[in-house]
Amino acid sequence: MSARPLFRLMFVALCATAAAAHQTTTVRGRIDRVGADRHPHPAPYLTVTLRTPDTGHRTDPSYTGRDGMYYIYGVAPGTYYLEVRVLPLGALYTYRIEARSQPYTDVAPLVVP
């Protein structure tokens, strides 16, 4: 094999490795609240953030929609704490999640009081 094809092969491998290292995911899920009927219902307008366990860095806040769904974009794969703030008292609920190296990381539905 001459030097030129070998160089191209190494360049392609290096680019693929760099692209894989910079992949991000969208963390998405649904939050429900228990209603007066004691059944879960979508919880709109709650604040949701991700916090890294090692540095404590938080993402910009995301908010649940009318359907209780939230989306946090551009998350690097790794371990995070999903923090849900419930108003008016400001109670904070924390859940440990694993963001995966794939387009979407789906979090199982969460129920908050």
PDB file of N, CA and C in Angstrom:
ATOM      1  N   MET A   1       0.863  -1.176   0.000  1.00  0.00           N
ATOM      2  CA  MET A   1       0.000   0.000   0.000  1.00  0.00           C
ATOM      3  C   MET A   1       0.904   1.232   0.000  1.00  0.00           C
ATOM      4  N   SER A   2       0.628   2.151  -0.872  1.00  0.00           N
ATOM      5  CA  SER A   2       1.438   3.358  -0.930  1.00  0.00           C
ATOM      6  C   SER A   2       1.059   4.297   0.217  1.00  0.00           C
ATOM      7  N   ALA A   3       1.841   5.324   0.401  1.00  0.00           N
ATOM      8  CA  ALA A   3       1.639   6.250   1.517  1.00  0.00           C
ATOM      9  C   ALA A   3       0.344   7.048   1.379  1.00  0.00           C
ATOM     10  N   ARG A   4      -0.035   7.407   0.164  1.00  0.00           N
ATOM     11  CA  ARG A   4      -1.213   8.244  -0.048  1.00  0.00           C
ATOM     12  C   ARG A   4      -2.501   7.536   0.401  1.00  0.00           C
ATOM     13  N   PRO A   5      -2.822   6.310  -0.036  1.00  0.00           N
ATOM     14  CA  PRO A   5      -4.040   5.646   0.455  1.00  0.00           C
ATOM     15  C   PRO A   5      -4.001   5.391   1.960  1.00  0.00           C
ATOM     16  N   LEU A   6      -2.832   5.083   2.499  1.00  0.00           N
ATOM     17  CA  LEU A   6      -2.713   4.869   3.938  1.00  0.00           C
ATOM     18  C   LEU A   6      -3.022   6.162   4.689  1.00  0.00           C
ATOM     19  N   PHE A   7      -2.517   7.288   4.188  1.00  0.00           N
ATOM     20  CA  PHE A   7      -2.797   8.580   4.808  1.00  0.00           C
ATOM     21  C   PHE A   7      -4.292   8.884   4.771  1.00  0.00           C
ATOM     22  N   ARG A   8      -4.929   8.613   3.639  1.00  0.00           N
ATOM     23  CA  ARG A   8      -6.373   8.853   3.521  1.00  0.00           C
ATOM     24  C   ARG A   8      -7.151   7.988   4.513  1.00  0.00           C
ATOM     25  N   LEU A   9      -6.770   6.733   4.624  1.00  0.00           N
ATOM     26  CA  LEU A   9      -7.436   5.828   5.551  1.00  0.00           C
ATOM     27  C   LEU A   9      -7.285   6.319   6.993  1.00  0.00           C
ATOM     28  N   MET A  10      -6.076   6.747   7.345  1.00  0.00           N
ATOM     29  CA  MET A  10      -5.849   7.263   8.704  1.00  0.00           C
ATOM     30  C   MET A  10      -6.647   8.544   8.936  1.00  0.00           C
ATOM     31  N   PHE A  11      -6.730   9.419   7.937  1.00  0.00           N
ATOM     32  CA  PHE A  11      -7.468  10.664   8.053  1.00  0.00           C
ATOM     33  C   PHE A  11      -8.957  10.395   8.266  1.00  0.00           C
ATOM     34  N   VAL A  12      -9.519   9.473   7.494  1.00  0.00           N
ATOM     35  CA  VAL A  12     -10.936   9.122   7.632  1.00  0.00           C
ATOM     36  C   VAL A  12     -11.202   8.537   9.014  1.00  0.00           C
ATOM     37  N   ALA A  13     -10.329   7.662   9.491  1.00  0.00           N
ATOM     38  CA  ALA A  13     -10.487   7.063  10.825  1.00  0.00           C
ATOM     39  C   ALA A  13     -10.415   8.128  11.907  1.00  0.00           C
ATOM     40  N   LEU A  14      -9.498   9.070  11.774  1.00  0.00           N
ATOM     41  CA  LEU A  14      -9.366  10.148  12.753  1.00  0.00           C
ATOM     42  C   LEU A  14     -10.610  11.034  12.764  1.00  0.00           C
ATOM     43  N   CYS A  15     -11.130  11.369  11.597  1.00  0.00           N
ATOM     44  CA  CYS A  15     -12.341  12.198  11.515  1.00  0.00           C
ATOM     45  C   CYS A  15     -13.540  11.483  12.121  1.00  0.00           C
ATOM     46  N   ALA A  16     -13.659  10.187  11.858  1.00  0.00           N
ATOM     47  CA  ALA A  16     -14.780   9.420  12.414  1.00  0.00           C
ATOM     48  C   ALA A  16     -14.685   9.357  13.932  1.00  0.00           C
ATOM     49  N   THR A  17     -13.481   9.197  14.468  1.00  0.00           N
ATOM     50  CA  THR A  17     -13.293   9.172  15.919  1.00  0.00           C
ATOM     51  C   THR A  17     -13.631  10.525  16.525  1.00  0.00           C
ATOM     52  N   ALA A  18     -13.202  11.595  15.899  1.00  0.00           N
ATOM     53  CA  ALA A  18     -13.496  12.939  16.411  1.00  0.00           C
ATOM     54  C   ALA A  18     -14.989  13.218  16.370  1.00  0.00           C
ATOM     55  N   ALA A  19     -15.658  12.800  15.305  1.00  0.00           N
ATOM     56  CA  ALA A  19     -17.104  13.017  15.205  1.00  0.00           C
ATOM     57  C   ALA A  19     -17.838  12.229  16.275  1.00  0.00           C
ATOM     58  N   ALA A  20     -17.422  11.008  16.525  1.00  0.00           N
ATOM     59  CA  ALA A  20     -18.070  10.188  17.545  1.00  0.00           C
ATOM     60  C   ALA A  20     -17.861  10.767  18.930  1.00  0.00           C
ATOM     61  N   ALA A  21     -16.718  11.370  19.163  1.00  0.00           N
ATOM     62  CA  ALA A  21     -16.419  11.934  20.479  1.00  0.00           C
ATOM     63  C   ALA A  21     -17.262  13.168  20.776  1.00  0.00           C
ATOM     64  N   HIS A  22     -17.750  13.848  19.744  1.00  0.00           N
ATOM     65  CA  HIS A  22     -18.515  15.073  19.945  1.00  0.00           C
ATOM     66  C   HIS A  22     -20.016  14.873  19.790  1.00  0.00           C
ATOM     67  N   GLN A  23     -20.482  13.646  19.756  1.00  0.00           N
ATOM     68  CA  GLN A  23     -21.912  13.408  19.622  1.00  0.00           C
ATOM     69  C   GLN A  23     -22.638  13.900  20.862  1.00  0.00           C
ATOM     70  N   THR A  24     -23.813  14.416  20.638  1.00  0.00           N
ATOM     71  CA  THR A  24     -24.675  14.817  21.750  1.00  0.00           C
ATOM     72  C   THR A  24     -26.019  14.131  21.588  1.00  0.00           C
ATOM     73  N   THR A  25     -26.804  14.198  22.616  1.00  0.00           N
ATOM     74  CA  THR A  25     -28.112  13.569  22.616  1.00  0.00           C
ATOM     75  C   THR A  25     -29.151  14.580  23.076  1.00  0.00           C
ATOM     76  N   THR A  26     -30.394  14.271  22.830  1.00  0.00           N
ATOM     77  CA  THR A  26     -31.514  15.033  23.370  1.00  0.00           C
ATOM     78  C   THR A  26     -32.140  14.181  24.463  1.00  0.00           C
ATOM     79  N   VAL A  27     -32.130  14.702  25.678  1.00  0.00           N
ATOM     80  CA  VAL A  27     -32.772  14.002  26.795  1.00  0.00           C
ATOM     81  C   VAL A  27     -34.236  14.415  26.791  1.00  0.00           C
ATOM     82  N   ARG A  28     -35.118  13.424  26.783  1.00  0.00           N
ATOM     83  CA  ARG A  28     -36.547  13.747  26.741  1.00  0.00           C
ATOM     84  C   ARG A  28     -37.319  12.792  27.646  1.00  0.00           C
ATOM     85  N   GLY A  29     -38.439  13.289  28.134  1.00  0.00           N
ATOM     86  CA  GLY A  29     -39.273  12.474  29.000  1.00  0.00           C
ATOM     87  C   GLY A  29     -40.552  13.210  29.356  1.00  0.00           C
ATOM     88  N   ARG A  30     -41.326  12.604  30.257  1.00  0.00           N
ATOM     89  CA  ARG A  30     -42.605  13.186  30.677  1.00  0.00           C
ATOM     90  C   ARG A  30     -42.649  13.200  32.198  1.00  0.00           C
ATOM     91  N   ILE A  31     -43.257  14.252  32.725  1.00  0.00           N
ATOM     92  CA  ILE A  31     -43.447  14.366  34.164  1.00  0.00           C
ATOM     93  C   ILE A  31     -44.936  14.459  34.434  1.00  0.00           C
ATOM     94  N   ASP A  32     -45.382  13.660  35.379  1.00  0.00           N
ATOM     95  CA  ASP A  32     -46.783  13.647  35.788  1.00  0.00           C
ATOM     96  C   ASP A  32     -46.892  14.074  37.244  1.00  0.00           C
ATOM     97  N   ARG A  33     -48.074  14.563  37.611  1.00  0.00           N
ATOM     98  CA  ARG A  33     -48.411  14.863  39.003  1.00  0.00           C
ATOM     99  C   ARG A  33     -49.663  14.082  39.347  1.00  0.00           C
ATOM    100  N   VAL A  34     -49.738  13.676  40.596  1.00  0.00           N
ATOM    101  CA  VAL A  34     -50.918  12.946  41.059  1.00  0.00           C
ATOM    102  C   VAL A  34     -52.019  13.961  41.343  1.00  0.00           C
ATOM    103  N   GLY A  35     -53.169  13.743  40.702  1.00  0.00           N
ATOM    104  CA  GLY A  35     -54.282  14.660  40.857  1.00  0.00           C
ATOM    105  C   GLY A  35     -55.157  14.309  42.042  1.00  0.00           C
ATOM    106  N   ALA A  36     -56.214  15.085  42.214  1.00  0.00           N
ATOM    107  CA  ALA A  36     -57.157  14.852  43.313  1.00  0.00           C
ATOM    108  C   ALA A  36     -57.810  13.474  43.190  1.00  0.00           C
ATOM    109  N   ASP A  37     -57.878  12.953  41.973  1.00  0.00           N
ATOM    110  CA  ASP A  37     -58.461  11.624  41.773  1.00  0.00           C
ATOM    111  C   ASP A  37     -57.450  10.495  42.037  1.00  0.00           C
ATOM    112  N   ARG A  38     -56.239  10.872  42.497  1.00  0.00           N
ATOM    113  CA  ARG A  38     -55.142   9.941  42.828  1.00  0.00           C
ATOM    114  C   ARG A  38     -54.570   9.220  41.618  1.00  0.00           C
ATOM    115  N   HIS A  39     -54.747   9.798  40.441  1.00  0.00           N
ATOM    116  CA  HIS A  39     -54.179   9.252  39.216  1.00  0.00           C
ATOM    117  C   HIS A  39     -53.185  10.267  38.652  1.00  0.00           C
ATOM    118  N   PRO A  40     -52.136   9.792  37.981  1.00  0.00           N
ATOM    119  CA  PRO A  40     -51.178  10.734  37.395  1.00  0.00           C
ATOM    120  C   PRO A  40     -51.743  11.444  36.167  1.00  0.00           C
ATOM    121  N   HIS A  41     -51.421  12.732  36.069  1.00  0.00           N
ATOM    122  CA  HIS A  41     -51.822  13.571  34.941  1.00  0.00           C
ATOM    123  C   HIS A  41     -50.597  14.362  34.494  1.00  0.00           C
ATOM    124  N   PRO A  42     -50.498  14.730  33.216  1.00  0.00           N
ATOM    125  CA  PRO A  42     -49.348  15.519  32.763  1.00  0.00           C
ATOM    126  C   PRO A  42     -49.162  16.770  33.612  1.00  0.00           C
ATOM    127  N   ALA A  43     -47.896  17.052  33.922  1.00  0.00           N
ATOM    128  CA  ALA A  43     -47.556  18.214  34.763  1.00  0.00           C
ATOM    129  C   ALA A  43     -46.952  19.316  33.895  1.00  0.00           C
ATOM    130  N   PRO A  44     -47.748  20.307  33.488  1.00  0.00           N
ATOM    131  CA  PRO A  44     -47.217  21.372  32.645  1.00  0.00           C
ATOM    132  C   PRO A  44     -46.454  22.426  33.445  1.00  0.00           C
ATOM    133  N   TYR A  45     -45.547  23.106  32.749  1.00  0.00           N
ATOM    134  CA  TYR A  45     -44.865  24.305  33.238  1.00  0.00           C
ATOM    135  C   TYR A  45     -43.943  24.062  34.429  1.00  0.00           C
ATOM    136  N   LEU A  46     -43.338  22.887  34.506  1.00  0.00           N
ATOM    137  CA  LEU A  46     -42.330  22.636  35.533  1.00  0.00           C
ATOM    138  C   LEU A  46     -40.952  22.918  34.940  1.00  0.00           C
ATOM    139  N   THR A  47     -40.023  23.338  35.794  1.00  0.00           N
ATOM    140  CA  THR A  47     -38.658  23.612  35.359  1.00  0.00           C
ATOM    141  C   THR A  47     -37.829  22.344  35.482  1.00  0.00           C
ATOM    142  N   VAL A  48     -37.099  22.013  34.417  1.00  0.00           N
ATOM    143  CA  VAL A  48     -36.267  20.809  34.386  1.00  0.00           C
ATOM    144  C   VAL A  48     -34.853  21.209  33.973  1.00  0.00           C
ATOM    145  N   THR A  49     -33.841  20.766  34.732  1.00  0.00           N
ATOM    146  CA  THR A  49     -32.437  20.995  34.378  1.00  0.00           C
ATOM    147  C   THR A  49     -31.659  19.706  34.584  1.00  0.00           C
ATOM    148  N   LEU A  50     -30.481  19.654  33.983  1.00  0.00           N
ATOM    149  CA  LEU A  50     -29.542  18.569  34.235  1.00  0.00           C
ATOM    150  C   LEU A  50     -28.349  19.144  34.979  1.00  0.00           C
ATOM    151  N   ARG A  51     -27.858  18.393  35.976  1.00  0.00           N
ATOM    152  CA  ARG A  51     -26.687  18.819  36.746  1.00  0.00           C
ATOM    153  C   ARG A  51     -25.653  17.707  36.689  1.00  0.00           C
ATOM    154  N   THR A  52     -24.399  18.068  36.420  1.00  0.00           N
ATOM    155  CA  THR A  52     -23.338  17.062  36.407  1.00  0.00           C
ATOM    156  C   THR A  52     -22.923  16.764  37.842  1.00  0.00           C
ATOM    157  N   PRO A  53     -22.715  15.481  38.174  1.00  0.00           N
ATOM    158  CA  PRO A  53     -22.375  15.138  39.555  1.00  0.00           C
ATOM    159  C   PRO A  53     -20.986  15.614  39.971  1.00  0.00           C
ATOM    160  N   ASP A  54     -20.040  15.677  39.048  1.00  0.00           N
ATOM    161  CA  ASP A  54     -18.674  16.034  39.434  1.00  0.00           C
ATOM    162  C   ASP A  54     -18.447  17.536  39.565  1.00  0.00           C
ATOM    163  N   THR A  55     -18.979  18.344  38.654  1.00  0.00           N
ATOM    164  CA  THR A  55     -18.732  19.794  38.698  1.00  0.00           C
ATOM    165  C   THR A  55     -19.915  20.596  39.214  1.00  0.00           C
ATOM    166  N   GLY A  56     -21.102  20.005  39.196  1.00  0.00           N
ATOM    167  CA  GLY A  56     -22.288  20.736  39.622  1.00  0.00           C
ATOM    168  C   GLY A  56     -22.835  21.677  38.566  1.00  0.00           C
ATOM    169  N   HIS A  57     -22.240  21.656  37.361  1.00  0.00           N
ATOM    170  CA  HIS A  57     -22.714  22.520  36.277  1.00  0.00           C
ATOM    171  C   HIS A  57     -24.145  22.141  35.903  1.00  0.00           C
ATOM    172  N   ARG A  58     -24.990  23.150  35.687  1.00  0.00           N
ATOM    173  CA  ARG A  58     -26.379  22.923  35.295  1.00  0.00           C
ATOM    174  C   ARG A  58     -26.605  23.406  33.871  1.00  0.00           C
ATOM    175  N   THR A  59     -27.498  22.688  33.178  1.00  0.00           N
ATOM    176  CA  THR A  59     -27.904  23.133  31.849  1.00  0.00           C
ATOM    177  C   THR A  59     -28.855  24.321  31.993  1.00  0.00           C
ATOM    178  N   ASP A  60     -29.093  25.005  30.895  1.00  0.00           N
ATOM    179  CA  ASP A  60     -30.141  26.022  30.896  1.00  0.00           C
ATOM    180  C   ASP A  60     -31.459  25.319  31.194  1.00  0.00           C
ATOM    181  N   PRO A  61     -32.374  25.998  31.850  1.00  0.00           N
ATOM    182  CA  PRO A  61     -33.635  25.332  32.193  1.00  0.00           C
ATOM    183  C   PRO A  61     -34.470  25.004  30.960  1.00  0.00           C
ATOM    184  N   SER A  62     -35.164  23.901  31.071  1.00  0.00           N
ATOM    185  CA  SER A  62     -36.162  23.494  30.099  1.00  0.00           C
ATOM    186  C   SER A  62     -37.485  23.474  30.852  1.00  0.00           C
ATOM    187  N   TYR A  63     -38.576  23.501  30.142  1.00  0.00           N
ATOM    188  CA  TYR A  63     -39.885  23.532  30.805  1.00  0.00           C
ATOM    189  C   TYR A  63     -40.785  22.461  30.206  1.00  0.00           C
ATOM    190  N   THR A  64     -41.596  21.859  31.047  1.00  0.00           N
ATOM    191  CA  THR A  64     -42.546  20.883  30.532  1.00  0.00           C
ATOM    192  C   THR A  64     -43.671  21.613  29.804  1.00  0.00           C
ATOM    193  N   GLY A  65     -44.141  20.987  28.728  1.00  0.00           N
ATOM    194  CA  GLY A  65     -45.259  21.535  27.974  1.00  0.00           C
ATOM    195  C   GLY A  65     -46.574  21.117  28.603  1.00  0.00           C
ATOM    196  N   ARG A  66     -47.650  21.465  27.956  1.00  0.00           N
ATOM    197  CA  ARG A  66     -48.985  21.094  28.473  1.00  0.00           C
ATOM    198  C   ARG A  66     -49.147  19.585  28.601  1.00  0.00           C
ATOM    199  N   ASP A  67     -48.389  18.845  27.795  1.00  0.00           N
ATOM    200  CA  ASP A  67     -48.454  17.383  27.837  1.00  0.00           C
ATOM    201  C   ASP A  67     -47.475  16.768  28.841  1.00  0.00           C
ATOM    202  N   GLY A  68     -46.766  17.618  29.611  1.00  0.00           N
ATOM    203  CA  GLY A  68     -45.810  17.139  30.602  1.00  0.00           C
ATOM    204  C   GLY A  68     -44.455  16.753  30.032  1.00  0.00           C
ATOM    205  N   MET A  69     -44.282  16.909  28.715  1.00  0.00           N
ATOM    206  CA  MET A  69     -43.028  16.517  28.063  1.00  0.00           C
ATOM    207  C   MET A  69     -41.984  17.616  28.182  1.00  0.00           C
ATOM    208  N   TYR A  70     -40.726  17.201  28.314  1.00  0.00           N
ATOM    209  CA  TYR A  70     -39.594  18.124  28.313  1.00  0.00           C
ATOM    210  C   TYR A  70     -38.537  17.593  27.355  1.00  0.00           C
ATOM    211  N   TYR A  71     -37.707  18.498  26.841  1.00  0.00           N
ATOM    212  CA  TYR A  71     -36.618  18.170  25.927  1.00  0.00           C
ATOM    213  C   TYR A  71     -35.421  19.026  26.319  1.00  0.00           C
ATOM    214  N   ILE A  72     -34.275  18.371  26.497  1.00  0.00           N
ATOM    215  CA  ILE A  72     -33.036  19.086  26.781  1.00  0.00           C
ATOM    216  C   ILE A  72     -32.058  18.699  25.668  1.00  0.00           C
ATOM    217  N   TYR A  73     -31.685  19.677  24.850  1.00  0.00           N
ATOM    218  CA  TYR A  73     -30.899  19.431  23.649  1.00  0.00           C
ATOM    219  C   TYR A  73     -29.398  19.593  23.894  1.00  0.00           C
ATOM    220  N   GLY A  74     -28.600  18.911  23.061  1.00  0.00           N
ATOM    221  CA  GLY A  74     -27.149  19.098  23.063  1.00  0.00           C
ATOM    222  C   GLY A  74     -26.452  18.584  24.308  1.00  0.00           C
ATOM    223  N   VAL A  75     -26.898  17.462  24.838  1.00  0.00           N
ATOM    224  CA  VAL A  75     -26.328  16.905  26.069  1.00  0.00           C
ATOM    225  C   VAL A  75     -25.246  15.889  25.704  1.00  0.00           C
ATOM    226  N   ALA A  76     -24.068  16.044  26.285  1.00  0.00           N
ATOM    227  CA  ALA A  76     -22.986  15.076  26.079  1.00  0.00           C
ATOM    228  C   ALA A  76     -23.316  13.792  26.826  1.00  0.00           C
ATOM    229  N   PRO A  77     -22.952  12.646  26.287  1.00  0.00           N
ATOM    230  CA  PRO A  77     -23.204  11.388  26.992  1.00  0.00           C
ATOM    231  C   PRO A  77     -22.533  11.386  28.364  1.00  0.00           C
ATOM    232  N   GLY A  78     -23.195  10.774  29.334  1.00  0.00           N
ATOM    233  CA  GLY A  78     -22.636  10.697  30.686  1.00  0.00           C
ATOM    234  C   GLY A  78     -23.719  10.598  31.733  1.00  0.00           C
ATOM    235  N   THR A  79     -23.301  10.676  32.987  1.00  0.00           N
ATOM    236  CA  THR A  79     -24.203  10.598  34.132  1.00  0.00           C
ATOM    237  C   THR A  79     -24.608  12.007  34.561  1.00  0.00           C
ATOM    238  N   TYR A  80     -25.899  12.187  34.833  1.00  0.00           N
ATOM    239  CA  TYR A  80     -26.432  13.483  35.249  1.00  0.00           C
ATOM    240  C   TYR A  80     -27.481  13.279  36.329  1.00  0.00           C
ATOM    241  N   TYR A  81     -27.785  14.383  37.011  1.00  0.00           N
ATOM    242  CA  TYR A  81     -28.943  14.432  37.890  1.00  0.00           C
ATOM    243  C   TYR A  81     -29.992  15.291  37.197  1.00  0.00           C
ATOM    244  N   LEU A  82     -31.153  14.717  36.959  1.00  0.00           N
ATOM    245  CA  LEU A  82     -32.281  15.439  36.389  1.00  0.00           C
ATOM    246  C   LEU A  82     -32.996  16.109  37.548  1.00  0.00           C
ATOM    247  N   GLU A  83     -33.087  17.430  37.525  1.00  0.00           N
ATOM    248  CA  GLU A  83     -33.706  18.178  38.618  1.00  0.00           C
ATOM    249  C   GLU A  83     -35.026  18.775  38.138  1.00  0.00           C
ATOM    250  N   VAL A  84     -36.069  18.523  38.903  1.00  0.00           N
ATOM    251  CA  VAL A  84     -37.410  19.015  38.585  1.00  0.00           C
ATOM    252  C   VAL A  84     -37.845  19.944  39.706  1.00  0.00           C
ATOM    253  N   ARG A  85     -38.134  21.195  39.356  1.00  0.00           N
ATOM    254  CA  ARG A  85     -38.587  22.175  40.341  1.00  0.00           C
ATOM    255  C   ARG A  85     -40.095  22.344  40.205  1.00  0.00           C
ATOM    256  N   VAL A  86     -40.796  22.151  41.317  1.00  0.00           N
ATOM    257  CA  VAL A  86     -42.255  22.241  41.342  1.00  0.00           C
ATOM    258  C   VAL A  86     -42.650  23.496  42.117  1.00  0.00           C
ATOM    259  N   LEU A  87     -43.362  24.380  41.455  1.00  0.00           N
ATOM    260  CA  LEU A  87     -43.833  25.615  42.092  1.00  0.00           C
ATOM    261  C   LEU A  87     -45.250  25.398  42.595  1.00  0.00           C
ATOM    262  N   PRO A  88     -45.780  26.126  43.504  1.00  0.00           N
ATOM    263  CA  PRO A  88     -45.322  27.421  43.984  1.00  0.00           C
ATOM    264  C   PRO A  88     -44.318  27.338  45.132  1.00  0.00           C
ATOM    265  N   LEU A  89     -44.167  26.200  45.781  1.00  0.00           N
ATOM    266  CA  LEU A  89     -43.265  26.120  46.928  1.00  0.00           C
ATOM    267  C   LEU A  89     -41.809  25.927  46.525  1.00  0.00           C
ATOM    268  N   GLY A  90     -41.555  25.576  45.288  1.00  0.00           N
ATOM    269  CA  GLY A  90     -40.189  25.422  44.810  1.00  0.00           C
ATOM    270  C   GLY A  90     -39.537  24.115  45.220  1.00  0.00           C
ATOM    271  N   ALA A  91     -40.329  23.096  45.506  1.00  0.00           N
ATOM    272  CA  ALA A  91     -39.759  21.804  45.875  1.00  0.00           C
ATOM    273  C   ALA A  91     -38.905  21.276  44.725  1.00  0.00           C
ATOM    274  N   LEU A  92     -37.754  20.675  45.070  1.00  0.00           N
ATOM    275  CA  LEU A  92     -36.821  20.162  44.072  1.00  0.00           C
ATOM    276  C   LEU A  92     -36.745  18.643  44.185  1.00  0.00           C
ATOM    277  N   TYR A  93     -36.978  17.954  43.074  1.00  0.00           N
ATOM    278  CA  TYR A  93     -36.889  16.495  43.013  1.00  0.00           C
ATOM    279  C   TYR A  93     -35.742  16.142  42.081  1.00  0.00           C
ATOM    280  N   THR A  94     -34.904  15.208  42.503  1.00  0.00           N
ATOM    281  CA  THR A  94     -33.699  14.859  41.761  1.00  0.00           C
ATOM    282  C   THR A  94     -33.704  13.377  41.406  1.00  0.00           C
ATOM    283  N   TYR A  95     -33.357  13.083  40.151  1.00  0.00           N
ATOM    284  CA  TYR A  95     -33.309  11.717  39.643  1.00  0.00           C
ATOM    285  C   TYR A  95     -31.993  11.518  38.898  1.00  0.00           C
ATOM    286  N   ARG A  96     -31.341  10.393  39.101  1.00  0.00           N
ATOM    287  CA  ARG A  96     -30.080  10.083  38.408  1.00  0.00           C
ATOM    288  C   ARG A  96     -30.414   9.455  37.054  1.00  0.00           C
ATOM    289  N   ILE A  97     -29.767   9.964  35.990  1.00  0.00           N
ATOM    290  CA  ILE A  97     -29.994   9.410  34.648  1.00  0.00           C
ATOM    291  C   ILE A  97     -28.658   9.205  33.942  1.00  0.00           C
ATOM    292  N   GLU A  98     -28.680   8.397  32.901  1.00  0.00           N
ATOM    293  CA  GLU A  98     -27.534   8.172  32.019  1.00  0.00           C
ATOM    294  C   GLU A  98     -27.900   8.669  30.629  1.00  0.00           C
ATOM    295  N   ALA A  99     -27.210   9.690  30.156  1.00  0.00           N
ATOM    296  CA  ALA A  99     -27.402  10.175  28.791  1.00  0.00           C
ATOM    297  C   ALA A  99     -26.554   9.294  27.877  1.00  0.00           C
ATOM    298  N   ARG A 100     -27.154   8.747  26.846  1.00  0.00           N
ATOM    299  CA  ARG A 100     -26.479   7.810  25.956  1.00  0.00           C
ATOM    300  C   ARG A 100     -25.986   8.490  24.680  1.00  0.00           C
ATOM    301  N   SER A 101     -25.046   7.861  24.033  1.00  0.00           N
ATOM    302  CA  SER A 101     -24.504   8.374  22.780  1.00  0.00           C
ATOM    303  C   SER A 101     -25.383   7.911  21.623  1.00  0.00           C
ATOM    304  N   GLN A 102     -26.545   8.522  21.512  1.00  0.00           N
ATOM    305  CA  GLN A 102     -27.508   8.235  20.454  1.00  0.00           C
ATOM    306  C   GLN A 102     -28.357   9.485  20.273  1.00  0.00           C
ATOM    307  N   PRO A 103     -29.144   9.579  19.228  1.00  0.00           N
ATOM    308  CA  PRO A 103     -29.896  10.821  19.001  1.00  0.00           C
ATOM    309  C   PRO A 103     -30.798  11.233  20.163  1.00  0.00           C
ATOM    310  N   TYR A 104     -31.482  10.255  20.794  1.00  0.00           N
ATOM    311  CA  TYR A 104     -32.379  10.573  21.905  1.00  0.00           C
ATOM    312  C   TYR A 104     -32.089   9.663  23.082  1.00  0.00           C
ATOM    313  N   THR A 105     -32.135  10.246  24.281  1.00  0.00           N
ATOM    314  CA  THR A 105     -32.093   9.472  25.518  1.00  0.00           C
ATOM    315  C   THR A 105     -33.456   9.649  26.162  1.00  0.00           C
ATOM    316  N   ASP A 106     -34.238   8.573  26.174  1.00  0.00           N
ATOM    317  CA  ASP A 106     -35.583   8.627  26.739  1.00  0.00           C
ATOM    318  C   ASP A 106     -35.533   8.282  28.221  1.00  0.00           C
ATOM    319  N   VAL A 107     -36.124   9.147  29.029  1.00  0.00           N
ATOM    320  CA  VAL A 107     -36.224   8.946  30.465  1.00  0.00           C
ATOM    321  C   VAL A 107     -37.631   8.437  30.750  1.00  0.00           C
ATOM    322  N   ALA A 108     -37.727   7.408  31.575  1.00  0.00           N
ATOM    323  CA  ALA A 108     -39.032   6.860  31.941  1.00  0.00           C
ATOM    324  C   ALA A 108     -39.886   7.947  32.577  1.00  0.00           C
ATOM    325  N   PRO A 109     -41.207   7.897  32.413  1.00  0.00           N
ATOM    326  CA  PRO A 109     -42.074   8.914  33.025  1.00  0.00           C
ATOM    327  C   PRO A 109     -41.834   9.018  34.529  1.00  0.00           C
ATOM    328  N   LEU A 110     -41.807  10.248  35.022  1.00  0.00           N
ATOM    329  CA  LEU A 110     -41.586  10.535  36.437  1.00  0.00           C
ATOM    330  C   LEU A 110     -42.875  11.092  37.026  1.00  0.00           C
ATOM    331  N   VAL A 111     -43.146  10.745  38.280  1.00  0.00           N
ATOM    332  CA  VAL A 111     -44.322  11.259  38.969  1.00  0.00           C
ATOM    333  C   VAL A 111     -43.833  12.063  40.167  1.00  0.00           C
ATOM    334  N   VAL A 112     -44.259  13.324  40.233  1.00  0.00           N
ATOM    335  CA  VAL A 112     -43.920  14.188  41.368  1.00  0.00           C
ATOM    336  C   VAL A 112     -45.200  14.527  42.114  1.00  0.00           C
ATOM    337  N   PRO A 113     -45.064  14.778  43.424  1.00  0.00           N
ATOM    338  CA  PRO A 113     -46.266  15.134  44.218  1.00  0.00           C
ATOM    339  C   PRO A 113     -46.855  16.471  43.816  1.00  0.00           C
TER     340      PRO A 113
END
